[in-house]
Amino acid sequence: MTRVDFYTGSEDKLRTACQLSQKAMQSGMRVLLHVPDAETANRLDKLLWHYPPTAFMPHCHSGDAEAGDMPVVIACDENFPHSELLISLHDECPTFFSRFERVIEIVGHDAEDAARGRNRFKFYRDRGYELKHTDLAKLRA
């Protein structure tokens, strides 16, 4: 069954996605960063070219020919080159999440995003998924 991790209190969800992608990649996992639209995909792509500042994180878009070999793939469609780790940057649970071994949900620190995050948490919990929670605000303190 899919394991679901929530990272709450993110000040910048795209940067958090980059940090978590780098950590997963260093652990040998392949990452699919799923975003709601092409504009967000392009913003994330540009950020990944500069993150981390002292290294390079190989990545591409899901439609690119090399997507099957890349450790980090950005998608806004349902073209999945693997089913290891899904990092979702959506306001609602993606309908295809159960195809993945692990899902990461990133929740911002503002009240509206936190409320949407609680709804997603409840969705997974009510269906019996194993949940883990990390409060990023506490890690910064």
C-alpha atoms as a PDB file:
ATOM      1  CA  MET A   1       0.000   0.000   0.000  1.00  0.00           C
ATOM      2  CA  THR A   2       1.152   3.519  -0.777  1.00  0.00           C
ATOM      3  CA  ARG A   3       2.849   5.381   2.059  1.00  0.00           C
ATOM      4  CA  VAL A   4       1.921   9.069   2.352  1.00  0.00           C
ATOM      5  CA  ASP A   5       4.132  11.735   3.957  1.00  0.00           C
ATOM      6  CA  PHE A   6       2.923  15.240   4.720  1.00  0.00           C
ATOM      7  CA  TYR A   7       5.370  18.131   5.004  1.00  0.00           C
ATOM      8  CA  THR A   8       3.523  21.097   6.484  1.00  0.00           C
ATOM      9  CA  GLY A   9       4.481  24.703   7.132  1.00  0.00           C
ATOM     10  CA  SER A  10       6.406  25.159   3.889  1.00  0.00           C
ATOM     11  CA  GLU A  11       7.331  28.764   3.182  1.00  0.00           C
ATOM     12  CA  ASP A  12       7.979  27.984  -0.503  1.00  0.00           C
ATOM     13  CA  LYS A  13       6.382  24.796  -1.812  1.00  0.00           C
ATOM     14  CA  LEU A  14       8.510  24.657  -4.973  1.00  0.00           C
ATOM     15  CA  ARG A  15      11.761  24.995  -3.006  1.00  0.00           C
ATOM     16  CA  THR A  16      10.550  22.356  -0.563  1.00  0.00           C
ATOM     17  CA  ALA A  17       9.835  20.085  -3.529  1.00  0.00           C
ATOM     18  CA  CYS A  18      13.405  20.650  -4.760  1.00  0.00           C
ATOM     19  CA  GLN A  19      14.875  19.868  -1.330  1.00  0.00           C
ATOM     20  CA  LEU A  20      12.827  16.692  -0.954  1.00  0.00           C
ATOM     21  CA  SER A  21      13.659  15.643  -4.524  1.00  0.00           C
ATOM     22  CA  GLN A  22      17.370  16.038  -3.889  1.00  0.00           C
ATOM     23  CA  LYS A  23      17.159  14.021  -0.676  1.00  0.00           C
ATOM     24  CA  ALA A  24      15.180  11.258  -2.402  1.00  0.00           C
ATOM     25  CA  MET A  25      17.533  11.202  -5.380  1.00  0.00           C
ATOM     26  CA  GLN A  26      20.535  10.888  -3.064  1.00  0.00           C
ATOM     27  CA  SER A  27      18.785   7.887  -1.479  1.00  0.00           C
ATOM     28  CA  GLY A  28      18.481   6.260  -4.906  1.00  0.00           C
ATOM     29  CA  MET A  29      14.776   6.958  -5.428  1.00  0.00           C
ATOM     30  CA  ARG A  30      13.275   8.262  -8.644  1.00  0.00           C
ATOM     31  CA  VAL A  31      10.955  11.236  -8.234  1.00  0.00           C
ATOM     32  CA  LEU A  32       7.920  12.418 -10.164  1.00  0.00           C
ATOM     33  CA  LEU A  33       7.081  16.040  -9.350  1.00  0.00           C
ATOM     34  CA  HIS A  34       3.447  16.436 -10.343  1.00  0.00           C
ATOM     35  CA  VAL A  35       2.207  19.992 -10.798  1.00  0.00           C
ATOM     36  CA  PRO A  36      -1.216  21.423 -11.719  1.00  0.00           C
ATOM     37  CA  ASP A  37      -0.210  23.279 -14.897  1.00  0.00           C
ATOM     38  CA  ALA A  38       2.504  24.036 -17.448  1.00  0.00           C
ATOM     39  CA  GLU A  39       3.365  27.406 -15.855  1.00  0.00           C
ATOM     40  CA  THR A  40       4.174  25.732 -12.522  1.00  0.00           C
ATOM     41  CA  ALA A  41       6.105  23.009 -14.376  1.00  0.00           C
ATOM     42  CA  ASN A  42       8.255  25.668 -16.064  1.00  0.00           C
ATOM     43  CA  ARG A  43       8.856  27.553 -12.801  1.00  0.00           C
ATOM     44  CA  LEU A  44       9.900  24.315 -11.104  1.00  0.00           C
ATOM     45  CA  ASP A  45      12.134  23.390 -14.054  1.00  0.00           C
ATOM     46  CA  LYS A  46      13.970  26.728 -13.795  1.00  0.00           C
ATOM     47  CA  LEU A  47      14.368  26.332 -10.038  1.00  0.00           C
ATOM     48  CA  LEU A  48      15.793  22.819 -10.413  1.00  0.00           C
ATOM     49  CA  TRP A  49      18.504  24.142 -12.752  1.00  0.00           C
ATOM     50  CA  HIS A  50      19.826  26.225  -9.842  1.00  0.00           C
ATOM     51  CA  TYR A  51      19.107  23.881  -6.956  1.00  0.00           C
ATOM     52  CA  PRO A  52      21.224  23.108  -5.132  1.00  0.00           C
ATOM     53  CA  PRO A  53      23.577  25.990  -5.923  1.00  0.00           C
ATOM     54  CA  THR A  54      26.703  23.816  -5.648  1.00  0.00           C
ATOM     55  CA  ALA A  55      25.515  20.807  -7.667  1.00  0.00           C
ATOM     56  CA  PHE A  56      23.202  19.706 -10.458  1.00  0.00           C
ATOM     57  CA  MET A  57      20.017  17.689 -10.106  1.00  0.00           C
ATOM     58  CA  PRO A  58      19.338  15.822 -13.374  1.00  0.00           C
ATOM     59  CA  HIS A  59      15.717  16.338 -14.389  1.00  0.00           C
ATOM     60  CA  CYS A  60      13.390  16.722 -17.348  1.00  0.00           C
ATOM     61  CA  HIS A  61       9.716  16.931 -18.273  1.00  0.00           C
ATOM     62  CA  SER A  62       7.654  13.736 -18.533  1.00  0.00           C
ATOM     63  CA  GLY A  63       7.233  14.108 -22.290  1.00  0.00           C
ATOM     64  CA  ASP A  64      10.987  14.231 -22.946  1.00  0.00           C
ATOM     65  CA  ALA A  65      12.634  11.178 -24.521  1.00  0.00           C
ATOM     66  CA  GLU A  66      15.014  10.732 -21.574  1.00  0.00           C
ATOM     67  CA  ALA A  67      12.261  10.771 -18.903  1.00  0.00           C
ATOM     68  CA  GLY A  68      12.547   7.019 -18.345  1.00  0.00           C
ATOM     69  CA  ASP A  69      16.204   7.398 -17.331  1.00  0.00           C
ATOM     70  CA  MET A  70      15.998  10.626 -15.313  1.00  0.00           C
ATOM     71  CA  PRO A  71      16.019  10.573 -11.499  1.00  0.00           C
ATOM     72  CA  VAL A  72      13.676  13.597 -11.321  1.00  0.00           C
ATOM     73  CA  VAL A  73      10.780  14.142 -13.728  1.00  0.00           C
ATOM     74  CA  ILE A  74       8.292  17.035 -13.832  1.00  0.00           C
ATOM     75  CA  ALA A  75       4.779  16.290 -15.059  1.00  0.00           C
ATOM     76  CA  CYS A  76       1.410  17.994 -15.330  1.00  0.00           C
ATOM     77  CA  ASP A  77      -0.174  15.087 -17.184  1.00  0.00           C
ATOM     78  CA  GLU A  78      -0.499  11.371 -16.491  1.00  0.00           C
ATOM     79  CA  ASN A  79       2.636  10.338 -18.373  1.00  0.00           C
ATOM     80  CA  PHE A  80       4.554   8.493 -15.636  1.00  0.00           C
ATOM     81  CA  PRO A  81       7.959   6.974 -16.399  1.00  0.00           C
ATOM     82  CA  HIS A  82       8.046   5.218 -12.985  1.00  0.00           C
ATOM     83  CA  SER A  83       5.982   4.603  -9.858  1.00  0.00           C
ATOM     84  CA  GLU A  84       8.460   5.153  -7.019  1.00  0.00           C
ATOM     85  CA  LEU A  85       7.929   8.576  -5.408  1.00  0.00           C
ATOM     86  CA  LEU A  86       5.235  11.094  -6.284  1.00  0.00           C
ATOM     87  CA  ILE A  87       5.635  14.619  -4.917  1.00  0.00           C
ATOM     88  CA  SER A  88       2.274  16.283  -5.430  1.00  0.00           C
ATOM     89  CA  LEU A  89       1.922  20.046  -5.673  1.00  0.00           C
ATOM     90  CA  HIS A  90      -1.850  19.953  -6.110  1.00  0.00           C
ATOM     91  CA  ASP A  91      -4.622  21.361  -3.913  1.00  0.00           C
ATOM     92  CA  GLU A  92      -6.464  18.024  -4.025  1.00  0.00           C
ATOM     93  CA  CYS A  93      -5.320  14.401  -3.909  1.00  0.00           C
ATOM     94  CA  PRO A  94      -4.327  13.237  -7.372  1.00  0.00           C
ATOM     95  CA  THR A  95      -6.621  10.443  -8.575  1.00  0.00           C
ATOM     96  CA  PHE A  96      -3.630   8.290  -9.587  1.00  0.00           C
ATOM     97  CA  PHE A  97      -1.649   8.509  -6.304  1.00  0.00           C
ATOM     98  CA  SER A  98      -2.083   4.808  -5.465  1.00  0.00           C
ATOM     99  CA  ARG A  99       0.087   3.834  -8.457  1.00  0.00           C
ATOM    100  CA  PHE A 100       3.100   5.052  -6.463  1.00  0.00           C
ATOM    101  CA  GLU A 101       5.019   3.375  -3.647  1.00  0.00           C
ATOM    102  CA  ARG A 102       5.232   6.671  -1.782  1.00  0.00           C
ATOM    103  CA  VAL A 103       3.497  10.048  -2.009  1.00  0.00           C
ATOM    104  CA  ILE A 104       4.670  13.334  -0.529  1.00  0.00           C
ATOM    105  CA  GLU A 105       2.164  16.129   0.004  1.00  0.00           C
ATOM    106  CA  ILE A 106       3.578  19.617   0.645  1.00  0.00           C
ATOM    107  CA  VAL A 107       1.411  22.070   2.565  1.00  0.00           C
ATOM    108  CA  GLY A 108       2.125  25.786   2.857  1.00  0.00           C
ATOM    109  CA  HIS A 109       1.955  27.821   6.042  1.00  0.00           C
ATOM    110  CA  ASP A 110      -0.977  30.055   5.055  1.00  0.00           C
ATOM    111  CA  ALA A 111      -4.430  29.223   6.471  1.00  0.00           C
ATOM    112  CA  GLU A 112      -6.094  28.443   3.132  1.00  0.00           C
ATOM    113  CA  ASP A 113      -3.412  25.990   2.017  1.00  0.00           C
ATOM    114  CA  ALA A 114      -3.327  24.420   5.494  1.00  0.00           C
ATOM    115  CA  ALA A 115      -7.088  23.803   5.300  1.00  0.00           C
ATOM    116  CA  ARG A 116      -6.700  22.119   1.903  1.00  0.00           C
ATOM    117  CA  GLY A 117      -3.845  20.059   3.346  1.00  0.00           C
ATOM    118  CA  ARG A 118      -6.030  18.899   6.243  1.00  0.00           C
ATOM    119  CA  ASN A 119      -8.665  17.777   3.730  1.00  0.00           C
ATOM    120  CA  ARG A 120      -6.059  15.746   1.836  1.00  0.00           C
ATOM    121  CA  PHE A 121      -4.754  14.249   5.089  1.00  0.00           C
ATOM    122  CA  LYS A 122      -8.297  13.233   6.054  1.00  0.00           C
ATOM    123  CA  PHE A 123      -8.859  11.728   2.591  1.00  0.00           C
ATOM    124  CA  TYR A 124      -5.829   9.441   2.930  1.00  0.00           C
ATOM    125  CA  ARG A 125      -6.492   8.634   6.605  1.00  0.00           C
ATOM    126  CA  ASP A 126     -10.124   7.711   5.973  1.00  0.00           C
ATOM    127  CA  ARG A 127      -8.958   5.216   3.348  1.00  0.00           C
ATOM    128  CA  GLY A 128      -6.451   3.567   5.685  1.00  0.00           C
ATOM    129  CA  TYR A 129      -3.184   4.812   4.176  1.00  0.00           C
ATOM    130  CA  GLU A 130      -0.062   4.883   6.350  1.00  0.00           C
ATOM    131  CA  LEU A 131       0.595   8.558   7.129  1.00  0.00           C
ATOM    132  CA  LYS A 132       3.645  10.409   8.398  1.00  0.00           C
ATOM    133  CA  HIS A 133       3.780  14.106   9.276  1.00  0.00           C
ATOM    134  CA  THR A 134       6.773  16.472   9.362  1.00  0.00           C
ATOM    135  CA  ASP A 135       6.266  20.071  10.518  1.00  0.00           C
ATOM    136  CA  LEU A 136       8.828  22.142   8.625  1.00  0.00           C
ATOM    137  CA  ALA A 137       8.172  25.192  10.828  1.00  0.00           C
ATOM    138  CA  LYS A 138       9.429  23.241  13.861  1.00  0.00           C
ATOM    139  CA  LEU A 139      12.556  22.183  11.956  1.00  0.00           C
ATOM    140  CA  ARG A 140      13.350  25.856  11.198  1.00  0.00           C
ATOM    141  CA  ALA A 141      12.907  26.925  14.833  1.00  0.00           C
END
